[in-house]
Amino acid sequence: MPVVRDLRVLLRLPDFRRLLAVRLLSQGADGVYQVALAAYVVFSPEKQTSAAAIASAMAVLLLPYSLIGPFAGVFLDRWRRRQVFLYGNLLRSLLAAATALLMSDDVPDALFYVSALCVTAVNRFVLSGLSAALPRVVDSDRLVMANSVSPTAGTLAATAGGGLALAVRLVVSDSNAAVVLLGAVLYLSAALMSLSMAPDLLGPERTATPPRLRTALAGTARDLLAGIRHLAAPARRDAAWALASMTLMRFCYGALLVMLLMLCRYALSPGPDDGLRLLGLALGLSGAGFFAAAVVTPWAAGRLGPGRWIAVCAGSAAVLEPALGLPFATPPLMAASFVLGLTTQGAKIATDTVVQSSVDDGFRGRIFSVYDVLFNVAFVGAAAVAALMLPPDGRSTVLVVLVAGLYGAVALAMARFAHR
């Protein structure tokens, strides 16, 4: 496989190996922590979970990416990146341990969410720093390869961390706090691994005095607004339509995920542990759909064009989502998890392609920052809407029909735009 071959080439570089190890440990810990948080909020036997609690948890996990992400680079150009990995992971290890203590005691939910919010906020700096540090450990000829392999390996590590968390929670220890402590150990391991690199190895260069912090933050905000204006120009209309379509599809996926969480917790399983197993199966099938999309989309988008492929993905979801979702039974819902994983990721890959090919190179980074904000805000907004609509057991015909209507609207709009 090309990815395996590329990874073998890059692993010959010792500094890349060390940076990759920091990424794998850090993102593996993220996977553990996020699954533990979901299990505590949704599947704790002592808690009567509501859709509002799920929406709050999603906001904790995703809003820091949206609010902090575009401005993380301002700070990373001032701080030594090796130190960001060291102190950032040490801080997350301490905060995760504090979260475990809060899980063990009867504390107000607000205090628990503040602790979890701090952990995920620091994560934005670590992930941005890992990307910014790559050019310091590979040469320019291998940089594209490293940018492809490294994030993919990190995503696999996060998935493996989530699987490890489920295994520990269901097999080893019936305690969400114990799973969070496992995440704290992995964060600590990532911090210690960063010590294997010299403090100045990963930059940034001190060739000039950086602008004042207030000036840099204001400049970043102006750059984002300039990116939005660039996207609104008639010449980039295809990118704007693709982004709008992907935002709506992300909204649909988020609303259905909240419904699935409630169904797994109450309607489809006799107890919390059974619901957690069922959720693990659904997420695994959704991940298989993501993988299938990566295989199918290059061929399909090449034959149809990215815009038409987005329309096909949205149209397929519009038809299959109510057909598989309205029975509110386990087998069709598991099939729906695969279908929605395939259609959502297929549309995202096509959208990425449209944005990369339509947007000027000087604006591409800013547009993708806007894309990241839209992606996460849509997901959190979907959770909030679902919280208002879902009954206690998660069965909502109205939500299923509403989401199908949104998918259908995206399909029609993209089909008409692609035809024009």
Protein backbone atom coordinates (compact mmCIF):
# COMPACT_ATOMS: atom_id res chain seq x y z
CA MET A 1 0.00 0.00 0.00
CA PRO A 2 1.30 3.52 -0.80
CA VAL A 3 0.74 4.78 2.77
CA VAL A 4 2.78 1.92 4.25
CA ARG A 5 5.56 2.48 1.71
CA ASP A 6 5.67 6.22 2.43
CA LEU A 7 5.72 5.61 6.18
CA ARG A 8 8.64 3.22 5.81
CA VAL A 9 10.60 5.91 3.97
CA LEU A 10 9.85 8.58 6.60
CA LEU A 11 10.66 6.36 9.57
CA ARG A 12 14.30 6.35 8.50
CA LEU A 13 14.43 9.97 9.73
CA PRO A 14 15.06 9.91 13.52
CA ASP A 15 13.53 13.32 14.28
CA PHE A 16 10.42 12.44 12.30
CA ARG A 17 10.13 9.20 14.31
CA ARG A 18 10.22 11.15 17.57
CA LEU A 19 7.69 13.72 16.40
CA LEU A 20 5.41 10.95 15.11
CA ALA A 21 5.65 9.17 18.47
CA VAL A 22 4.50 12.37 20.20
CA ARG A 23 1.57 12.58 17.77
CA LEU A 24 0.56 8.93 18.21
CA LEU A 25 0.66 9.07 22.01
CA SER A 26 -1.09 12.43 22.14
CA GLN A 27 -3.89 11.56 19.72
CA GLY A 28 -4.25 8.09 21.21
CA ALA A 29 -4.85 9.79 24.54
CA ASP A 30 -7.41 12.05 22.84
CA GLY A 31 -9.32 8.99 21.67
CA VAL A 32 -9.28 7.48 25.16
CA TYR A 33 -10.39 10.73 26.77
CA GLN A 34 -13.21 11.42 24.33
CA VAL A 35 -14.68 7.92 24.64
CA ALA A 36 -14.44 8.12 28.43
CA LEU A 37 -16.23 11.46 28.39
CA ALA A 38 -18.99 10.08 26.14
CA ALA A 39 -19.36 6.98 28.31
CA TYR A 40 -19.63 9.10 31.46
CA VAL A 41 -22.17 11.52 30.01
CA VAL A 42 -24.32 8.98 28.15
CA PHE A 43 -23.80 5.51 29.60
CA SER A 44 -23.24 5.94 33.33
CA PRO A 45 -25.82 3.77 35.15
CA GLU A 46 -26.29 6.40 37.85
CA LYS A 47 -27.05 9.22 35.38
CA GLN A 48 -30.31 9.80 33.53
CA THR A 49 -28.83 11.00 30.28
CA SER A 50 -30.63 13.62 28.22
CA ALA A 51 -30.04 14.93 24.73
CA ALA A 52 -29.14 18.29 26.32
CA ALA A 53 -26.29 16.62 28.24
CA ILE A 54 -25.02 15.07 25.00
CA ALA A 55 -25.18 18.46 23.29
CA SER A 56 -23.17 19.99 26.16
CA ALA A 57 -20.53 17.28 25.84
CA MET A 58 -20.22 17.87 22.09
CA ALA A 59 -19.84 21.59 22.68
CA VAL A 60 -17.04 20.87 25.14
CA LEU A 61 -15.26 18.61 22.66
CA LEU A 62 -15.65 20.76 19.53
CA LEU A 63 -16.06 24.45 20.33
CA PRO A 64 -12.42 24.96 21.39
CA TYR A 65 -11.39 23.87 17.88
CA SER A 66 -13.69 26.49 16.40
CA LEU A 67 -12.92 29.39 18.72
CA ILE A 68 -9.21 28.85 19.34
CA GLY A 69 -8.10 27.06 16.16
CA PRO A 70 -7.73 30.05 13.81
CA PHE A 71 -5.65 31.94 16.38
CA ALA A 72 -3.42 29.08 17.58
CA GLY A 73 -0.74 29.91 15.02
CA VAL A 74 -0.24 33.38 16.51
CA PHE A 75 0.99 31.81 19.74
CA LEU A 76 2.86 28.95 18.08
CA ASP A 77 5.00 31.49 16.24
CA ARG A 78 6.08 32.85 19.65
CA TRP A 79 6.55 29.66 21.71
CA ARG A 80 9.09 26.91 21.14
CA ARG A 81 7.04 24.06 19.74
CA ARG A 82 8.92 21.38 21.66
CA GLN A 83 7.89 23.18 24.84
CA VAL A 84 4.29 23.33 23.65
CA PHE A 85 4.27 19.53 23.38
CA LEU A 86 6.00 19.12 26.74
CA TYR A 87 3.96 21.53 28.85
CA GLY A 88 0.74 21.11 26.87
CA ASN A 89 0.69 17.35 27.42
CA LEU A 90 1.78 17.70 31.05
CA LEU A 91 -1.08 20.13 31.60
CA ARG A 92 -3.55 17.78 29.90
CA SER A 93 -2.32 14.90 32.01
CA LEU A 94 -3.00 16.88 35.19
CA LEU A 95 -6.38 18.09 33.93
CA ALA A 96 -7.39 14.57 32.89
CA ALA A 97 -6.48 13.31 36.36
CA ALA A 98 -8.60 16.10 37.83
CA THR A 99 -11.47 15.06 35.54
CA ALA A 100 -11.16 11.50 36.85
CA LEU A 101 -11.44 12.80 40.42
CA LEU A 102 -14.54 14.80 39.48
CA MET A 103 -16.07 11.67 37.96
CA SER A 104 -15.48 9.79 41.20
CA ASP A 105 -17.13 12.45 43.38
CA ASP A 106 -20.60 13.91 43.32
CA VAL A 107 -19.73 17.32 41.91
CA PRO A 108 -21.80 19.77 39.84
CA ASP A 109 -21.81 18.98 36.13
CA ALA A 110 -20.61 22.52 35.36
CA LEU A 111 -17.30 21.88 37.16
CA PHE A 112 -16.81 18.63 35.25
CA TYR A 113 -17.44 20.35 31.92
CA VAL A 114 -14.99 23.15 32.73
CA SER A 115 -12.26 20.57 33.37
CA ALA A 116 -13.05 18.71 30.15
CA LEU A 117 -13.18 21.99 28.20
CA CYS A 118 -9.66 22.89 29.36
CA VAL A 119 -8.31 19.52 28.17
CA THR A 120 -9.76 19.92 24.68
CA ALA A 121 -8.74 23.58 24.43
CA VAL A 122 -5.06 22.70 24.96
CA ASN A 123 -5.42 20.02 22.30
CA ARG A 124 -5.83 22.65 19.58
CA PHE A 125 -2.37 24.05 20.30
CA VAL A 126 -0.76 20.61 20.32
CA LEU A 127 -2.31 19.52 17.01
CA SER A 128 -1.46 22.81 15.30
CA GLY A 129 2.09 22.59 16.64
CA LEU A 130 2.51 19.05 15.30
CA SER A 131 1.60 20.26 11.80
CA ALA A 132 3.79 23.37 12.05
CA ALA A 133 6.79 21.32 13.22
CA LEU A 134 6.80 18.86 10.31
CA PRO A 135 9.00 20.99 7.99
CA ARG A 136 11.66 21.00 10.72
CA VAL A 137 12.07 17.21 10.71
CA VAL A 138 11.72 16.30 7.01
CA ASP A 139 13.24 17.80 3.88
CA SER A 140 11.16 19.66 1.32
CA ASP A 141 11.06 16.70 -1.09
CA ARG A 142 9.32 14.54 1.52
CA LEU A 143 7.09 17.22 3.06
CA VAL A 144 3.99 16.40 0.99
CA MET A 145 4.41 12.73 1.88
CA ALA A 146 4.77 13.59 5.58
CA ASN A 147 1.68 15.83 5.49
CA SER A 148 -0.28 12.90 4.11
CA VAL A 149 1.05 10.14 6.36
CA SER A 150 1.34 11.90 9.71
CA PRO A 151 -2.29 13.09 10.17
CA THR A 152 -3.55 9.72 8.89
CA ALA A 153 -1.44 7.92 11.48
CA GLY A 154 -2.75 10.30 14.15
CA THR A 155 -6.37 9.59 13.19
CA LEU A 156 -5.70 5.85 13.38
CA ALA A 157 -4.10 6.36 16.80
CA ALA A 158 -7.17 8.26 18.03
CA THR A 159 -9.41 5.46 16.74
CA ALA A 160 -7.23 2.86 18.43
CA GLY A 161 -7.35 4.90 21.64
CA GLY A 162 -11.13 4.94 21.49
CA GLY A 163 -11.17 1.17 21.02
CA LEU A 164 -8.78 0.72 23.92
CA ALA A 165 -11.00 2.89 26.12
CA LEU A 166 -14.05 0.77 25.24
CA ALA A 167 -12.13 -2.43 26.01
CA VAL A 168 -10.94 -1.13 29.38
CA ARG A 169 -14.40 0.18 30.25
CA LEU A 170 -16.24 -3.04 29.33
CA VAL A 171 -13.69 -5.74 30.19
CA VAL A 172 -11.12 -4.53 32.72
CA SER A 173 -12.75 -1.88 34.90
CA ASP A 174 -16.36 -0.75 35.11
CA SER A 175 -15.20 2.80 35.84
CA ASN A 176 -15.09 5.81 33.56
CA ALA A 177 -12.62 7.46 35.94
CA ALA A 178 -10.17 4.58 35.40
CA VAL A 179 -10.40 5.09 31.63
CA VAL A 180 -9.70 8.82 31.99
CA LEU A 181 -6.66 8.00 34.14
CA LEU A 182 -5.43 5.80 31.28
CA GLY A 183 -5.71 8.87 29.04
CA ALA A 184 -3.76 10.90 31.62
CA VAL A 185 -0.94 8.31 31.50
CA LEU A 186 -0.81 8.53 27.70
CA TYR A 187 -0.68 12.34 27.83
CA LEU A 188 2.20 12.07 30.31
CA SER A 189 3.95 9.60 27.97
CA ALA A 190 3.60 12.09 25.09
CA ALA A 191 5.15 14.82 27.27
CA LEU A 192 8.09 12.58 28.19
CA MET A 193 8.59 11.56 24.56
CA SER A 194 8.92 15.22 23.57
CA LEU A 195 11.99 15.42 25.83
CA SER A 196 13.83 13.20 23.34
CA MET A 197 14.05 16.24 21.02
CA ALA A 198 16.20 19.33 21.54
CA PRO A 199 14.23 22.39 22.76
CA ASP A 200 15.02 24.43 19.64
CA LEU A 201 14.72 21.61 17.09
CA LEU A 202 11.13 22.32 16.10
CA GLY A 203 11.39 26.11 15.88
CA PRO A 204 10.19 28.72 15.36
CA GLU A 205 13.17 30.64 14.04
CA ARG A 206 14.01 33.84 15.93
CA THR A 207 15.13 35.75 12.83
CA ALA A 208 12.92 38.76 13.54
CA THR A 209 10.95 40.24 16.39
CA PRO A 210 7.36 39.03 16.10
CA PRO A 211 4.62 41.68 16.04
CA ARG A 212 2.81 42.56 19.24
CA LEU A 213 0.30 39.94 20.33
CA ARG A 214 -2.70 42.26 20.00
CA THR A 215 -1.59 43.25 16.50
CA ALA A 216 -1.09 39.61 15.48
CA LEU A 217 -4.52 38.55 16.78
CA ALA A 218 -6.21 41.46 15.01
CA GLY A 219 -4.32 40.58 11.84
CA THR A 220 -5.51 36.98 12.04
CA ALA A 221 -9.12 38.15 12.34
CA ARG A 222 -8.64 40.42 9.31
CA ASP A 223 -7.11 37.53 7.37
CA LEU A 224 -10.13 35.33 8.09
CA LEU A 225 -12.50 38.07 6.89
CA ALA A 226 -10.39 38.47 3.76
CA GLY A 227 -10.67 34.71 3.19
CA ILE A 228 -14.47 34.90 3.46
CA ARG A 229 -14.56 37.79 0.96
CA HIS A 230 -12.33 35.79 -1.38
CA LEU A 231 -14.71 32.82 -1.12
CA ALA A 232 -17.73 35.03 -1.87
CA ALA A 233 -16.35 36.18 -5.23
CA PRO A 234 -18.23 34.82 -8.30
CA ALA A 235 -15.12 32.98 -9.50
CA ARG A 236 -15.16 30.82 -6.35
CA ARG A 237 -18.90 30.11 -6.39
CA ASP A 238 -18.35 26.36 -6.75
CA ALA A 239 -16.22 26.28 -3.58
CA ALA A 240 -18.83 28.32 -1.67
CA TRP A 241 -21.63 25.97 -2.73
CA ALA A 242 -19.60 22.90 -1.81
CA LEU A 243 -18.78 24.34 1.63
CA ALA A 244 -22.42 25.26 2.26
CA SER A 245 -23.53 21.76 1.25
CA MET A 246 -20.93 20.09 3.44
CA THR A 247 -21.92 22.26 6.40
CA LEU A 248 -25.56 21.16 6.06
CA MET A 249 -24.55 17.51 5.70
CA ARG A 250 -22.37 17.81 8.81
CA PHE A 251 -25.40 19.27 10.60
CA CYS A 252 -27.49 16.26 9.55
CA TYR A 253 -24.80 13.81 10.66
CA GLY A 254 -24.51 15.50 14.06
CA ALA A 255 -28.26 15.43 14.69
CA LEU A 256 -28.44 11.74 13.78
CA LEU A 257 -25.46 10.93 15.99
CA VAL A 258 -27.21 12.45 19.02
CA MET A 259 -30.33 10.43 18.18
CA LEU A 260 -28.21 7.26 17.87
CA LEU A 261 -26.61 7.90 21.26
CA MET A 262 -30.03 8.21 22.89
CA LEU A 263 -31.35 5.12 21.10
CA CYS A 264 -28.33 3.04 22.15
CA ARG A 265 -28.70 4.23 25.73
CA TYR A 266 -32.44 3.60 26.13
CA ALA A 267 -34.50 2.19 23.25
CA LEU A 268 -32.21 -0.46 21.75
CA SER A 269 -30.45 -2.00 24.75
CA PRO A 270 -31.44 -3.29 28.19
CA GLY A 271 -28.60 -1.60 30.07
CA PRO A 272 -25.79 0.96 29.79
CA ASP A 273 -23.03 -1.56 29.03
CA ASP A 274 -25.07 -3.15 26.25
CA GLY A 275 -25.75 0.31 24.87
CA LEU A 276 -22.04 1.13 24.94
CA ARG A 277 -21.25 -2.05 23.00
CA LEU A 278 -23.92 -1.19 20.46
CA LEU A 279 -22.56 2.32 20.07
CA GLY A 280 -19.08 0.90 19.53
CA LEU A 281 -20.44 -1.30 16.73
CA ALA A 282 -22.23 1.66 15.14
CA LEU A 283 -19.13 3.84 15.25
CA GLY A 284 -17.06 1.00 13.82
CA LEU A 285 -19.48 0.62 10.91
CA SER A 286 -19.45 4.38 10.38
CA GLY A 287 -15.64 4.23 10.28
CA ALA A 288 -15.89 1.44 7.69
CA GLY A 289 -18.08 3.78 5.67
CA PHE A 290 -15.38 6.47 5.93
CA PHE A 291 -12.82 3.98 4.60
CA ALA A 292 -15.15 2.92 1.77
CA ALA A 293 -15.59 6.58 0.84
CA ALA A 294 -11.82 7.00 0.58
CA VAL A 295 -11.74 4.06 -1.87
CA VAL A 296 -14.83 4.97 -3.95
CA THR A 297 -14.71 8.77 -4.07
CA PRO A 298 -11.61 9.28 -6.30
CA TRP A 299 -13.21 7.12 -9.00
CA ALA A 300 -16.76 8.45 -8.58
CA ALA A 301 -15.78 12.13 -8.38
CA GLY A 302 -13.51 11.64 -11.38
CA ARG A 303 -16.38 10.21 -13.44
CA LEU A 304 -19.16 12.52 -12.27
CA GLY A 305 -17.29 15.60 -11.12
CA PRO A 306 -17.05 16.62 -7.44
CA GLY A 307 -20.29 18.64 -7.46
CA ARG A 308 -22.38 15.82 -8.88
CA TRP A 309 -20.76 13.33 -6.51
CA ILE A 310 -21.78 15.53 -3.56
CA ALA A 311 -25.32 15.52 -4.98
CA VAL A 312 -25.26 11.72 -5.28
CA CYS A 313 -24.04 11.35 -1.67
CA ALA A 314 -26.71 13.71 -0.33
CA GLY A 315 -29.43 12.12 -2.48
CA SER A 316 -28.49 8.62 -1.33
CA ALA A 317 -28.65 9.76 2.29
CA ALA A 318 -32.03 11.43 1.67
CA VAL A 319 -33.50 8.14 0.43
CA LEU A 320 -31.76 5.61 2.69
CA GLU A 321 -31.75 7.56 5.97
CA PRO A 322 -35.55 7.47 6.52
CA ALA A 323 -35.83 3.95 5.05
CA LEU A 324 -33.28 2.61 7.54
CA GLY A 325 -33.97 4.99 10.41
CA LEU A 326 -37.74 5.08 10.80
CA PRO A 327 -38.12 1.44 11.96
CA PHE A 328 -35.90 2.40 14.98
CA ALA A 329 -34.56 -1.17 15.00
CA THR A 330 -30.96 -2.28 15.52
CA PRO A 331 -30.06 -3.97 12.17
CA PRO A 332 -31.27 -1.16 9.88
CA LEU A 333 -29.71 1.49 12.16
CA MET A 334 -26.36 -0.30 11.96
CA ALA A 335 -26.68 -0.31 8.16
CA ALA A 336 -27.54 3.40 8.31
CA SER A 337 -24.34 4.04 10.28
CA PHE A 338 -22.29 2.62 7.40
CA VAL A 339 -24.29 4.49 4.73
CA LEU A 340 -24.01 7.83 6.51
CA GLY A 341 -20.30 7.33 7.11
CA LEU A 342 -19.79 6.67 3.40
CA THR A 343 -21.96 9.55 2.14
CA THR A 344 -20.69 12.12 4.64
CA GLN A 345 -17.01 11.34 4.09
CA GLY A 346 -17.50 11.02 0.34
CA ALA A 347 -18.99 14.51 0.23
CA LYS A 348 -16.20 15.85 2.44
CA ILE A 349 -13.44 14.47 0.21
CA ALA A 350 -15.15 16.01 -2.81
CA THR A 351 -15.55 19.33 -0.98
CA ASP A 352 -11.86 19.34 -0.02
CA THR A 353 -11.01 18.79 -3.68
CA VAL A 354 -13.25 21.63 -4.86
CA VAL A 355 -11.82 24.06 -2.30
CA GLN A 356 -8.21 23.10 -3.04
CA SER A 357 -8.69 23.48 -6.80
CA SER A 358 -10.84 26.65 -6.77
CA VAL A 359 -9.25 28.84 -4.12
CA ASP A 360 -6.07 30.84 -4.74
CA ASP A 361 -3.04 29.40 -2.99
CA GLY A 362 -2.52 32.54 -0.90
CA PHE A 363 -6.00 32.15 0.62
CA ARG A 364 -6.18 28.36 0.94
CA GLY A 365 -5.07 28.15 4.57
CA ARG A 366 -7.55 30.82 5.65
CA ILE A 367 -10.42 29.15 3.77
CA PHE A 368 -9.67 25.85 5.45
CA SER A 369 -9.71 27.63 8.83
CA VAL A 370 -13.19 28.93 7.96
CA TYR A 371 -14.10 25.41 6.80
CA ASP A 372 -12.97 23.99 10.16
CA VAL A 373 -15.07 26.51 12.08
CA LEU A 374 -18.18 25.82 9.95
CA PHE A 375 -17.69 22.07 10.29
CA ASN A 376 -17.58 22.09 14.08
CA VAL A 377 -20.18 24.79 14.69
CA ALA A 378 -22.62 22.89 12.47
CA PHE A 379 -22.05 19.75 14.51
CA VAL A 380 -22.62 21.52 17.82
CA GLY A 381 -25.65 23.35 16.43
CA ALA A 382 -27.11 20.04 15.29
CA ALA A 383 -26.68 18.62 18.78
CA ALA A 384 -28.51 21.62 20.23
CA VAL A 385 -31.42 21.25 17.77
CA ALA A 386 -31.61 17.51 18.45
CA ALA A 387 -31.67 18.20 22.19
CA LEU A 388 -34.80 20.31 21.68
CA MET A 389 -36.55 17.76 19.48
CA LEU A 390 -35.68 14.33 20.87
CA PRO A 391 -37.94 12.52 23.37
CA PRO A 392 -36.28 10.73 26.33
CA ASP A 393 -35.86 7.40 24.48
CA GLY A 394 -34.47 8.98 21.29
CA ARG A 395 -37.26 7.93 18.89
CA SER A 396 -38.16 10.99 16.82
CA THR A 397 -39.87 10.56 13.47
CA VAL A 398 -39.91 14.33 13.03
CA LEU A 399 -36.11 14.56 13.33
CA VAL A 400 -35.57 11.71 10.85
CA VAL A 401 -37.90 13.33 8.30
CA LEU A 402 -36.36 16.79 8.83
CA VAL A 403 -32.85 15.45 8.25
CA ALA A 404 -34.00 13.57 5.12
CA GLY A 405 -35.48 16.84 3.83
CA LEU A 406 -32.18 18.66 4.40
CA TYR A 407 -30.26 15.93 2.58
CA GLY A 408 -32.74 16.14 -0.29
CA ALA A 409 -32.40 19.93 -0.47
CA VAL A 410 -28.60 19.62 -0.64
CA ALA A 411 -28.85 17.01 -3.39
CA LEU A 412 -31.20 19.13 -5.52
CA ALA A 413 -29.19 22.32 -5.01
CA MET A 414 -25.85 20.70 -5.88
CA ALA A 415 -27.34 18.85 -8.87
CA ARG A 416 -28.74 22.11 -10.28
CA PHE A 417 -25.51 24.01 -9.61
CA ALA A 418 -23.38 21.26 -11.20
CA HIS A 419 -25.68 21.21 -14.23
CA ARG A 420 -25.32 24.99 -14.69
